[in-house]
Amino acid sequence: MAFDRIDRQILGLLQDDGRMTNVDLAERVGLTAPPCLRRVRALEESGAIKGYHAALDPGSLGYTITVFAMVSLKSQAEADLAAFERHVAAIPEVRECHMLNGEIDFILKIVATDLRAFQELLTTQLTPAPNVSHVKTSLTIRTSKDMPGIPVG
């Protein structure tokens, strides 16, 4: 789908504030409410807008640490890759899973309430998972940038 200037404005504004009313959105992009709503619905139907969610503060919910885990598998056959992806999809603390090109097969973003909880997850759910060769972890010390979404130009 090709996006014009107004579509991109709508996408950028909704990415910044998904709770913005259609009336406010229409005013900001220079449309009346009905055509703005039609554009939003078209962007949703095309898949450009995948959904809406609230950005939560991990610390306020008790998740005080974030860890990145680099996972190497013994086999990179498609069935083994898919099995690993299914395995980590079932672990709620694994918030992101990206397959990589190179020496490491996957990088995971994991949240935990404390170091003990992370160690438990690592030793009972991640390291012993089928086909896992080794796991290297890095504990996040500080996050200086955390931008959801993508740049909309």
Protein backbone atom coordinates (compact mmCIF):
# COMPACT_ATOMS: atom_id res chain seq x y z
CA MET A 1 0.00 0.00 0.00
CA ALA A 2 1.33 3.44 -0.93
CA PHE A 3 1.01 6.05 1.81
CA ASP A 4 0.51 9.70 1.04
CA ARG A 5 1.51 12.62 3.29
CA ILE A 6 -1.75 12.52 5.25
CA ASP A 7 -1.53 8.74 5.81
CA ARG A 8 2.00 9.21 7.18
CA GLN A 9 0.84 12.02 9.44
CA ILE A 10 -1.98 9.82 10.75
CA LEU A 11 0.41 6.93 11.35
CA GLY A 12 2.91 9.14 13.18
CA LEU A 13 0.29 10.80 15.35
CA LEU A 14 -1.39 7.52 16.30
CA GLN A 15 1.97 5.91 17.00
CA ASP A 16 2.72 8.73 19.45
CA ASP A 17 -0.77 8.73 21.00
CA GLY A 18 -3.03 5.80 20.16
CA ARG A 19 -5.76 7.24 22.38
CA MET A 20 -6.12 10.40 20.30
CA THR A 21 -9.74 10.95 19.32
CA ASN A 22 -10.66 10.87 15.67
CA VAL A 23 -11.81 14.51 15.93
CA ASP A 24 -8.39 15.60 17.27
CA LEU A 25 -6.61 13.47 14.70
CA ALA A 26 -8.68 14.91 11.85
CA GLU A 27 -7.99 18.45 13.00
CA ARG A 28 -4.23 17.80 13.23
CA VAL A 29 -4.03 16.40 9.67
CA GLY A 30 -6.42 18.93 8.13
CA LEU A 31 -9.40 16.69 7.41
CA THR A 32 -12.94 16.44 8.66
CA ALA A 33 -13.74 13.53 10.96
CA PRO A 34 -15.47 11.13 8.48
CA PRO A 35 -12.70 10.96 5.84
CA CYS A 36 -10.08 10.77 8.61
CA LEU A 37 -11.87 7.79 10.15
CA ARG A 38 -12.08 6.11 6.72
CA ARG A 39 -8.31 6.53 6.33
CA VAL A 40 -7.64 5.10 9.78
CA ARG A 41 -9.87 2.10 9.05
CA ALA A 42 -8.10 1.56 5.71
CA LEU A 43 -4.71 1.71 7.48
CA GLU A 44 -5.95 -0.86 10.01
CA GLU A 45 -7.35 -3.15 7.32
CA SER A 46 -4.14 -2.96 5.27
CA GLY A 47 -2.14 -4.07 8.30
CA ALA A 48 -0.14 -0.84 8.54
CA ILE A 49 -1.73 -0.35 11.97
CA LYS A 50 -1.36 -3.68 13.75
CA GLY A 51 -3.09 -2.69 16.98
CA TYR A 52 -3.22 -0.33 19.93
CA HIS A 53 -1.71 -0.82 23.36
CA ALA A 54 -0.73 0.95 26.55
CA ALA A 55 2.99 1.47 27.21
CA LEU A 56 3.58 0.11 30.71
CA ASP A 57 6.38 0.93 33.14
CA PRO A 58 8.12 -2.39 33.93
CA GLY A 59 9.44 -1.21 37.31
CA SER A 60 6.02 -0.20 38.58
CA LEU A 61 4.86 -3.78 37.93
CA GLY A 62 7.88 -5.31 39.66
CA TYR A 63 10.02 -6.08 36.62
CA THR A 64 13.24 -4.48 37.78
CA ILE A 65 15.71 -6.05 35.37
CA THR A 66 15.97 -6.47 31.63
CA VAL A 67 18.35 -8.99 30.11
CA PHE A 68 19.36 -9.66 26.53
CA ALA A 69 20.10 -13.31 25.82
CA MET A 70 22.03 -14.42 22.75
CA VAL A 71 21.06 -17.99 21.90
CA SER A 72 22.87 -20.38 19.60
CA LEU A 73 21.15 -23.56 18.46
CA LYS A 74 22.68 -26.91 17.56
CA SER A 75 20.65 -27.05 14.33
CA GLN A 76 19.35 -24.32 12.09
CA ALA A 77 16.92 -26.53 10.19
CA GLU A 78 13.63 -24.70 9.73
CA ALA A 79 11.73 -27.15 11.92
CA ASP A 80 14.24 -26.62 14.76
CA LEU A 81 14.11 -22.83 14.39
CA ALA A 82 10.30 -22.90 14.47
CA ALA A 83 10.30 -25.20 17.51
CA PHE A 84 12.56 -22.78 19.40
CA GLU A 85 10.35 -19.84 18.43
CA ARG A 86 7.28 -21.70 19.72
CA HIS A 87 9.11 -22.54 22.95
CA VAL A 88 10.06 -18.92 23.74
CA ALA A 89 6.63 -17.64 22.66
CA ALA A 90 5.22 -19.55 25.63
CA ILE A 91 7.53 -17.78 28.14
CA PRO A 92 5.80 -14.52 29.18
CA GLU A 93 9.03 -12.90 30.39
CA VAL A 94 10.51 -13.17 26.89
CA ARG A 95 9.21 -9.91 25.43
CA GLU A 96 11.05 -9.99 22.10
CA CYS A 97 12.64 -12.73 20.01
CA HIS A 98 14.64 -11.91 16.88
CA MET A 99 16.36 -14.40 14.60
CA LEU A 100 19.80 -13.13 13.59
CA ASN A 101 22.25 -13.66 10.77
CA GLY A 102 25.67 -14.81 11.92
CA GLU A 103 27.14 -16.68 14.87
CA ILE A 104 24.16 -16.09 17.18
CA ASP A 105 20.82 -17.53 16.07
CA PHE A 106 18.45 -15.51 18.28
CA ILE A 107 18.51 -12.52 20.56
CA LEU A 108 15.85 -12.35 23.25
CA LYS A 109 14.74 -9.44 25.38
CA ILE A 110 13.74 -10.79 28.77
CA VAL A 111 12.24 -9.03 31.78
CA ALA A 112 12.38 -10.40 35.31
CA THR A 113 11.44 -9.26 38.78
CA ASP A 114 14.97 -9.81 40.07
CA LEU A 115 18.19 -11.65 39.33
CA ARG A 116 17.01 -14.80 41.08
CA ALA A 117 13.87 -14.95 38.92
CA PHE A 118 15.97 -14.46 35.78
CA GLN A 119 18.39 -17.19 36.85
CA GLU A 120 15.45 -19.54 37.41
CA LEU A 121 14.09 -18.79 33.94
CA LEU A 122 17.53 -19.23 32.39
CA THR A 123 18.27 -22.57 34.04
CA THR A 124 14.81 -24.14 33.84
CA GLN A 125 13.30 -22.81 30.62
CA LEU A 126 15.95 -21.41 28.31
CA THR A 127 19.25 -23.29 28.60
CA PRO A 128 17.67 -26.78 28.75
CA ALA A 129 15.30 -26.06 25.85
CA PRO A 130 15.56 -28.56 23.00
CA ASN A 131 18.27 -27.79 20.44
CA VAL A 132 19.90 -24.99 22.50
CA SER A 133 23.69 -25.12 22.19
CA HIS A 134 24.58 -22.17 24.42
CA VAL A 135 23.20 -18.94 25.83
CA LYS A 136 25.14 -15.74 26.54
CA THR A 137 23.40 -13.08 28.59
CA SER A 138 23.91 -9.39 29.21
CA LEU A 139 22.13 -7.57 32.01
CA THR A 140 20.92 -4.08 31.12
CA ILE A 141 22.47 -1.44 33.36
CA ARG A 142 20.66 1.57 31.95
CA THR A 143 18.33 2.34 29.05
CA SER A 144 19.00 5.70 27.41
CA LYS A 145 16.57 5.30 24.53
CA ASP A 146 13.41 3.24 24.24
CA MET A 147 11.37 4.33 21.25
CA PRO A 148 8.45 2.13 20.30
CA GLY A 149 7.40 1.87 16.69
CA ILE A 150 9.30 3.12 13.67
CA PRO A 151 10.26 6.50 12.22
CA VAL A 152 7.37 7.83 10.13
CA GLY A 153 8.56 10.41 7.64
